[in-house]
Amino acid sequence: MRLTSSYPVLMSRDITTGTAFYRDTLGFEVTFESDWYVSLRHSGFELALLDPTHETIPGGFRGSPAGGVLLNLEVDDVDAVHDELAGRDGIELALPLRSERFGQRHFILVGPDRVLIDVITPIAPEGEYVERFLDAEDRI
């Protein structure tokens, strides 16, 4: 198999609200929009929202919005993004900004349909995590 593209498609109960969140809060731009499907792009990365009741969803799965999803967004400066978003009305933080020994400085916010959005800047791992990286080039 030769993969030419990959991006998440999140089933959303409210496409309009979801689109506004990803566009206005996280800076995605809309590249295609209909009443049941929206494509978004940010810095070359893509994300789409899909109405879970649409006929293209197989019958046994139709009607269920995204759930149990953690969307990782790596950024250059997680502190700046946190400072920008944490004070905004309507932003719910599920995890405060912190540094992890496994090599991430991050915070998690709650998006539409309770999708968790983990905003991350890689940092140097510590202790036992240093040796768990497969290649030294992967380390910060």
N, C-alpha and C. Protein backbone atom coordinates (compact mmCIF):
# COMPACT_ATOMS: atom_id res chain seq x y z
N MET A 1 0.84 -1.18 0.00
CA MET A 1 0.00 0.00 0.00
C MET A 1 0.89 1.24 0.00
N ARG A 2 0.57 2.17 -0.85
CA ARG A 2 1.26 3.47 -0.88
C ARG A 2 0.29 4.51 -0.36
N LEU A 3 0.55 5.00 0.83
CA LEU A 3 -0.31 6.00 1.47
C LEU A 3 -0.03 7.37 0.86
N THR A 4 -1.09 8.05 0.43
CA THR A 4 -0.93 9.37 -0.17
C THR A 4 -1.42 10.50 0.73
N SER A 5 -2.23 10.15 1.72
CA SER A 5 -2.74 11.15 2.66
C SER A 5 -3.37 10.44 3.84
N SER A 6 -3.42 11.11 4.95
CA SER A 6 -4.10 10.60 6.13
C SER A 6 -4.51 11.78 6.99
N TYR A 7 -5.74 11.77 7.46
CA TYR A 7 -6.22 12.83 8.34
C TYR A 7 -7.43 12.32 9.10
N PRO A 8 -7.65 12.83 10.31
CA PRO A 8 -8.82 12.40 11.08
C PRO A 8 -10.10 13.05 10.57
N VAL A 9 -11.18 12.29 10.61
CA VAL A 9 -12.52 12.79 10.34
C VAL A 9 -13.31 12.53 11.61
N LEU A 10 -13.73 13.60 12.27
CA LEU A 10 -14.44 13.49 13.53
C LEU A 10 -15.93 13.62 13.28
N MET A 11 -16.71 12.64 13.75
CA MET A 11 -18.15 12.75 13.62
C MET A 11 -18.65 13.71 14.70
N SER A 12 -19.35 14.75 14.26
CA SER A 12 -19.74 15.85 15.14
C SER A 12 -21.25 16.07 15.09
N ARG A 13 -21.86 16.18 16.26
CA ARG A 13 -23.31 16.43 16.33
C ARG A 13 -23.71 17.79 15.78
N ASP A 14 -22.78 18.75 15.85
CA ASP A 14 -23.08 20.10 15.42
C ASP A 14 -21.92 20.61 14.55
N ILE A 15 -22.05 20.40 13.25
CA ILE A 15 -21.00 20.77 12.31
C ILE A 15 -20.69 22.27 12.38
N THR A 16 -21.70 23.11 12.51
CA THR A 16 -21.49 24.56 12.55
C THR A 16 -20.67 24.96 13.77
N THR A 17 -21.03 24.46 14.94
CA THR A 17 -20.30 24.78 16.17
C THR A 17 -18.88 24.21 16.12
N GLY A 18 -18.76 22.98 15.64
CA GLY A 18 -17.44 22.37 15.52
C GLY A 18 -16.53 23.14 14.58
N THR A 19 -17.07 23.53 13.45
CA THR A 19 -16.30 24.31 12.48
C THR A 19 -15.84 25.63 13.09
N ALA A 20 -16.73 26.31 13.79
CA ALA A 20 -16.38 27.59 14.42
C ALA A 20 -15.27 27.39 15.45
N PHE A 21 -15.32 26.32 16.22
CA PHE A 21 -14.30 26.06 17.23
C PHE A 21 -12.93 25.85 16.58
N TYR A 22 -12.85 24.95 15.62
CA TYR A 22 -11.55 24.66 15.00
C TYR A 22 -11.03 25.85 14.20
N ARG A 23 -11.92 26.62 13.61
CA ARG A 23 -11.52 27.80 12.85
C ARG A 23 -11.13 28.96 13.79
N ASP A 24 -12.04 29.33 14.68
CA ASP A 24 -11.84 30.53 15.49
C ASP A 24 -10.93 30.32 16.69
N THR A 25 -10.95 29.15 17.29
CA THR A 25 -10.14 28.89 18.47
C THR A 25 -8.75 28.39 18.12
N LEU A 26 -8.67 27.47 17.14
CA LEU A 26 -7.39 26.84 16.83
C LEU A 26 -6.77 27.31 15.52
N GLY A 27 -7.45 28.16 14.77
CA GLY A 27 -6.84 28.77 13.59
C GLY A 27 -6.88 27.94 12.32
N PHE A 28 -7.72 26.91 12.26
CA PHE A 28 -7.87 26.13 11.02
C PHE A 28 -8.63 26.97 9.99
N GLU A 29 -8.36 26.73 8.72
CA GLU A 29 -9.12 27.38 7.65
C GLU A 29 -10.01 26.33 6.99
N VAL A 30 -11.19 26.76 6.60
CA VAL A 30 -12.14 25.87 5.92
C VAL A 30 -11.72 25.74 4.47
N THR A 31 -11.60 24.50 3.98
CA THR A 31 -11.24 24.26 2.58
C THR A 31 -12.40 23.68 1.78
N PHE A 32 -13.40 23.13 2.47
CA PHE A 32 -14.62 22.63 1.84
C PHE A 32 -15.70 22.66 2.91
N GLU A 33 -16.91 23.08 2.52
CA GLU A 33 -17.98 23.16 3.52
C GLU A 33 -19.31 22.78 2.90
N SER A 34 -20.00 21.87 3.56
CA SER A 34 -21.38 21.54 3.23
C SER A 34 -22.12 21.42 4.56
N ASP A 35 -23.40 21.12 4.52
CA ASP A 35 -24.14 21.02 5.78
C ASP A 35 -23.84 19.73 6.54
N TRP A 36 -23.16 18.77 5.90
CA TRP A 36 -22.88 17.50 6.57
C TRP A 36 -21.39 17.15 6.66
N TYR A 37 -20.52 17.92 5.98
CA TYR A 37 -19.09 17.63 5.97
C TYR A 37 -18.30 18.93 5.79
N VAL A 38 -17.26 19.08 6.60
CA VAL A 38 -16.38 20.25 6.48
C VAL A 38 -14.94 19.79 6.55
N SER A 39 -14.13 20.24 5.59
CA SER A 39 -12.68 20.00 5.60
C SER A 39 -11.98 21.25 6.10
N LEU A 40 -10.98 21.03 6.95
CA LEU A 40 -10.23 22.14 7.53
C LEU A 40 -8.74 21.87 7.37
N ARG A 41 -7.96 22.95 7.31
CA ARG A 41 -6.51 22.82 7.16
C ARG A 41 -5.81 23.87 8.01
N HIS A 42 -4.68 23.45 8.56
CA HIS A 42 -3.85 24.38 9.33
C HIS A 42 -2.39 23.98 9.11
N SER A 43 -1.62 24.86 8.52
CA SER A 43 -0.18 24.62 8.30
C SER A 43 0.10 23.30 7.59
N GLY A 44 -0.74 22.96 6.64
CA GLY A 44 -0.54 21.74 5.87
C GLY A 44 -1.18 20.50 6.47
N PHE A 45 -1.71 20.61 7.66
CA PHE A 45 -2.37 19.48 8.31
C PHE A 45 -3.87 19.60 8.12
N GLU A 46 -4.53 18.45 7.95
CA GLU A 46 -5.96 18.47 7.67
C GLU A 46 -6.76 17.76 8.75
N LEU A 47 -8.01 18.18 8.85
CA LEU A 47 -8.98 17.64 9.79
C LEU A 47 -10.33 17.81 9.12
N ALA A 48 -11.25 16.89 9.34
CA ALA A 48 -12.59 17.04 8.79
C ALA A 48 -13.62 16.73 9.86
N LEU A 49 -14.80 17.31 9.69
CA LEU A 49 -15.95 17.05 10.56
C LEU A 49 -17.06 16.47 9.70
N LEU A 50 -17.75 15.49 10.24
CA LEU A 50 -18.79 14.78 9.51
C LEU A 50 -20.00 14.59 10.39
N ASP A 51 -21.18 14.86 9.86
CA ASP A 51 -22.43 14.62 10.57
C ASP A 51 -22.59 13.10 10.76
N PRO A 52 -22.72 12.62 12.00
CA PRO A 52 -22.77 11.17 12.23
C PRO A 52 -24.06 10.51 11.75
N THR A 53 -25.04 11.30 11.33
CA THR A 53 -26.28 10.72 10.81
C THR A 53 -26.27 10.61 9.29
N HIS A 54 -25.17 11.03 8.65
CA HIS A 54 -25.13 11.03 7.19
C HIS A 54 -25.17 9.61 6.65
N GLU A 55 -25.76 9.45 5.50
CA GLU A 55 -25.97 8.13 4.87
C GLU A 55 -24.69 7.38 4.54
N THR A 56 -23.57 8.08 4.45
CA THR A 56 -22.31 7.39 4.13
C THR A 56 -21.74 6.62 5.34
N ILE A 57 -22.27 6.88 6.53
CA ILE A 57 -21.84 6.16 7.72
C ILE A 57 -22.58 4.82 7.76
N PRO A 58 -21.87 3.70 7.90
CA PRO A 58 -22.55 2.40 7.95
C PRO A 58 -23.60 2.36 9.06
N GLY A 59 -24.71 1.70 8.78
CA GLY A 59 -25.87 1.67 9.66
C GLY A 59 -25.58 1.41 11.13
N GLY A 60 -24.75 0.45 11.45
CA GLY A 60 -24.48 0.12 12.84
C GLY A 60 -23.68 1.17 13.58
N PHE A 61 -23.14 2.15 12.85
CA PHE A 61 -22.31 3.19 13.45
C PHE A 61 -22.94 4.58 13.35
N ARG A 62 -24.00 4.68 12.58
CA ARG A 62 -24.64 5.96 12.33
C ARG A 62 -25.22 6.54 13.62
N GLY A 63 -25.06 7.84 13.78
CA GLY A 63 -25.65 8.54 14.92
C GLY A 63 -24.70 8.76 16.08
N SER A 64 -23.54 8.11 16.08
CA SER A 64 -22.59 8.25 17.19
C SER A 64 -21.54 9.30 16.86
N PRO A 65 -21.47 10.36 17.67
CA PRO A 65 -20.43 11.36 17.43
C PRO A 65 -19.08 10.84 17.89
N ALA A 66 -18.05 11.62 17.63
CA ALA A 66 -16.71 11.27 18.06
C ALA A 66 -16.72 11.07 19.57
N GLY A 67 -16.02 10.07 20.02
CA GLY A 67 -15.91 9.81 21.45
C GLY A 67 -14.64 9.03 21.72
N GLY A 68 -14.04 9.27 22.85
CA GLY A 68 -12.81 8.57 23.18
C GLY A 68 -11.66 8.95 22.28
N VAL A 69 -11.72 10.16 21.72
CA VAL A 69 -10.68 10.61 20.79
C VAL A 69 -9.80 11.64 21.49
N LEU A 70 -8.50 11.49 21.31
CA LEU A 70 -7.53 12.47 21.78
C LEU A 70 -6.77 12.95 20.55
N LEU A 71 -6.94 14.21 20.21
CA LEU A 71 -6.31 14.80 19.04
C LEU A 71 -5.07 15.55 19.49
N ASN A 72 -3.89 15.13 19.03
CA ASN A 72 -2.63 15.79 19.37
C ASN A 72 -2.32 16.88 18.35
N LEU A 73 -1.99 18.06 18.85
CA LEU A 73 -1.56 19.17 18.01
C LEU A 73 -0.21 19.64 18.54
N GLU A 74 0.86 19.37 17.78
CA GLU A 74 2.18 19.84 18.19
C GLU A 74 2.40 21.25 17.69
N VAL A 75 2.90 22.11 18.59
CA VAL A 75 3.12 23.52 18.28
C VAL A 75 4.54 23.91 18.69
N ASP A 76 5.00 25.04 18.18
CA ASP A 76 6.35 25.53 18.52
C ASP A 76 6.45 26.01 19.97
N ASP A 77 5.38 26.65 20.48
CA ASP A 77 5.43 27.27 21.79
C ASP A 77 4.12 27.03 22.54
N VAL A 78 4.05 25.91 23.25
CA VAL A 78 2.82 25.54 23.95
C VAL A 78 2.45 26.56 25.03
N ASP A 79 3.45 27.19 25.65
CA ASP A 79 3.15 28.19 26.67
C ASP A 79 2.38 29.36 26.07
N ALA A 80 2.79 29.82 24.90
CA ALA A 80 2.11 30.94 24.24
C ALA A 80 0.68 30.56 23.85
N VAL A 81 0.51 29.35 23.32
CA VAL A 81 -0.83 28.90 22.94
C VAL A 81 -1.70 28.79 24.18
N HIS A 82 -1.16 28.23 25.24
CA HIS A 82 -1.90 28.12 26.50
C HIS A 82 -2.32 29.51 26.99
N ASP A 83 -1.39 30.46 27.00
CA ASP A 83 -1.70 31.80 27.47
C ASP A 83 -2.79 32.45 26.63
N GLU A 84 -2.78 32.17 25.34
CA GLU A 84 -3.78 32.73 24.43
C GLU A 84 -5.16 32.12 24.67
N LEU A 85 -5.23 30.81 24.89
CA LEU A 85 -6.51 30.12 24.97
C LEU A 85 -7.09 30.02 26.37
N ALA A 86 -6.25 29.90 27.38
CA ALA A 86 -6.73 29.59 28.73
C ALA A 86 -7.69 30.65 29.28
N GLY A 87 -7.55 31.88 28.88
CA GLY A 87 -8.41 32.93 29.40
C GLY A 87 -9.67 33.18 28.60
N ARG A 88 -9.82 32.51 27.48
CA ARG A 88 -10.99 32.75 26.63
C ARG A 88 -12.26 32.15 27.22
N ASP A 89 -13.37 32.87 27.03
CA ASP A 89 -14.67 32.33 27.43
C ASP A 89 -14.96 31.08 26.63
N GLY A 90 -15.53 30.09 27.28
CA GLY A 90 -15.94 28.87 26.61
C GLY A 90 -14.85 27.83 26.46
N ILE A 91 -13.62 28.14 26.87
CA ILE A 91 -12.54 27.17 26.78
C ILE A 91 -12.50 26.38 28.08
N GLU A 92 -12.60 25.07 27.95
CA GLU A 92 -12.55 24.17 29.11
C GLU A 92 -11.24 23.40 29.08
N LEU A 93 -10.42 23.59 30.09
CA LEU A 93 -9.17 22.84 30.20
C LEU A 93 -9.43 21.55 30.97
N ALA A 94 -9.03 20.44 30.39
CA ALA A 94 -9.15 19.14 31.06
C ALA A 94 -7.88 18.83 31.84
N LEU A 95 -6.75 19.39 31.40
CA LEU A 95 -5.46 19.18 32.05
C LEU A 95 -4.68 20.49 31.96
N PRO A 96 -4.19 21.01 33.09
CA PRO A 96 -3.44 22.26 33.04
C PRO A 96 -2.08 22.07 32.38
N LEU A 97 -1.49 23.17 31.99
CA LEU A 97 -0.16 23.17 31.36
C LEU A 97 0.85 22.55 32.31
N ARG A 98 1.62 21.59 31.79
CA ARG A 98 2.65 20.96 32.61
C ARG A 98 3.68 20.26 31.73
N SER A 99 4.82 19.98 32.33
CA SER A 99 5.89 19.24 31.64
C SER A 99 5.87 17.80 32.13
N GLU A 100 6.05 16.88 31.17
CA GLU A 100 6.04 15.44 31.47
C GLU A 100 7.43 14.87 31.28
N ARG A 101 7.81 13.95 32.11
CA ARG A 101 9.13 13.31 32.03
C ARG A 101 9.31 12.54 30.73
N PHE A 102 8.21 12.14 30.09
CA PHE A 102 8.31 11.37 28.85
C PHE A 102 8.55 12.24 27.63
N GLY A 103 8.74 13.55 27.84
CA GLY A 103 9.19 14.41 26.74
C GLY A 103 8.15 15.31 26.13
N GLN A 104 7.19 15.76 26.92
CA GLN A 104 6.19 16.69 26.41
C GLN A 104 5.91 17.78 27.43
N ARG A 105 5.74 18.98 26.93
CA ARG A 105 5.13 20.06 27.71
C ARG A 105 3.79 20.26 27.03
N HIS A 106 2.71 20.19 27.78
CA HIS A 106 1.40 20.18 27.14
C HIS A 106 0.28 20.59 28.08
N PHE A 107 -0.89 20.83 27.47
CA PHE A 107 -2.15 20.97 28.19
C PHE A 107 -3.22 20.35 27.31
N ILE A 108 -4.33 19.99 27.92
CA ILE A 108 -5.43 19.36 27.18
C ILE A 108 -6.68 20.19 27.36
N LEU A 109 -7.30 20.54 26.24
CA LEU A 109 -8.58 21.24 26.29
C LEU A 109 -9.67 20.35 25.74
N VAL A 110 -10.90 20.69 26.09
CA VAL A 110 -12.06 19.92 25.65
C VAL A 110 -12.67 20.62 24.45
N GLY A 111 -12.74 19.89 23.33
CA GLY A 111 -13.32 20.43 22.11
C GLY A 111 -14.76 20.00 21.93
N PRO A 112 -15.34 20.34 20.79
CA PRO A 112 -16.71 19.92 20.49
C PRO A 112 -16.85 18.41 20.56
N ASP A 113 -18.02 17.96 21.00
CA ASP A 113 -18.31 16.53 21.15
C ASP A 113 -17.37 15.87 22.15
N ARG A 114 -16.79 16.68 23.05
CA ARG A 114 -15.90 16.22 24.11
C ARG A 114 -14.65 15.53 23.59
N VAL A 115 -14.24 15.91 22.38
CA VAL A 115 -12.95 15.46 21.86
C VAL A 115 -11.88 16.17 22.67
N LEU A 116 -10.92 15.42 23.18
CA LEU A 116 -9.81 16.02 23.92
C LEU A 116 -8.74 16.47 22.94
N ILE A 117 -8.25 17.69 23.12
CA ILE A 117 -7.23 18.24 22.23
C ILE A 117 -5.99 18.51 23.07
N ASP A 118 -4.96 17.73 22.79
CA ASP A 118 -3.71 17.79 23.53
C ASP A 118 -2.74 18.67 22.76
N VAL A 119 -2.45 19.85 23.29
CA VAL A 119 -1.56 20.82 22.64
C VAL A 119 -0.17 20.61 23.25
N ILE A 120 0.81 20.30 22.39
CA ILE A 120 2.09 19.76 22.84
C ILE A 120 3.27 20.49 22.20
N THR A 121 4.31 20.70 22.99
CA THR A 121 5.63 21.03 22.48
C THR A 121 6.56 19.96 23.01
N PRO A 122 7.25 19.23 22.13
CA PRO A 122 8.21 18.22 22.61
C PRO A 122 9.33 18.89 23.41
N ILE A 123 9.72 18.23 24.48
CA ILE A 123 10.85 18.66 25.30
C ILE A 123 11.75 17.45 25.51
N ALA A 124 12.90 17.65 26.08
CA ALA A 124 13.82 16.54 26.33
C ALA A 124 13.22 15.58 27.35
N PRO A 125 13.22 14.29 27.04
CA PRO A 125 12.74 13.32 28.03
C PRO A 125 13.73 13.20 29.18
N GLU A 126 13.25 12.65 30.28
CA GLU A 126 14.08 12.51 31.47
C GLU A 126 14.09 11.05 31.94
N GLY A 127 15.14 10.72 32.70
CA GLY A 127 15.22 9.43 33.37
C GLY A 127 15.07 8.25 32.43
N GLU A 128 14.23 7.30 32.83
CA GLU A 128 14.06 6.06 32.07
C GLU A 128 13.47 6.29 30.68
N TYR A 129 12.88 7.46 30.43
CA TYR A 129 12.28 7.72 29.12
C TYR A 129 13.30 8.04 28.05
N VAL A 130 14.48 8.49 28.44
CA VAL A 130 15.52 8.84 27.46
C VAL A 130 15.83 7.66 26.56
N GLU A 131 16.00 6.50 27.13
CA GLU A 131 16.39 5.32 26.36
C GLU A 131 15.23 4.68 25.60
N ARG A 132 14.02 5.11 25.86
CA ARG A 132 12.86 4.52 25.17
C ARG A 132 12.66 5.07 23.77
N PHE A 133 13.30 6.19 23.46
CA PHE A 133 13.22 6.74 22.11
C PHE A 133 14.10 5.88 21.19
N LEU A 134 13.61 5.54 20.04
CA LEU A 134 14.27 4.60 19.15
C LEU A 134 15.54 5.16 18.52
N ASP A 135 15.59 6.46 18.36
CA ASP A 135 16.72 7.07 17.66
C ASP A 135 17.08 8.36 18.36
N ALA A 136 18.34 8.59 18.55
CA ALA A 136 18.79 9.81 19.21
C ALA A 136 18.31 11.05 18.48
N GLU A 137 18.10 10.97 17.16
CA GLU A 137 17.63 12.13 16.39
C GLU A 137 16.21 12.52 16.77
N ASP A 138 15.44 11.58 17.36
CA ASP A 138 14.09 11.87 17.78
C ASP A 138 14.04 12.69 19.06
N ARG A 139 15.15 12.78 19.76
CA ARG A 139 15.20 13.52 21.02
C ARG A 139 15.36 15.00 20.75
N ILE A 140 14.87 15.76 21.65
CA ILE A 140 14.99 17.23 21.57
C ILE A 140 16.37 17.64 22.01
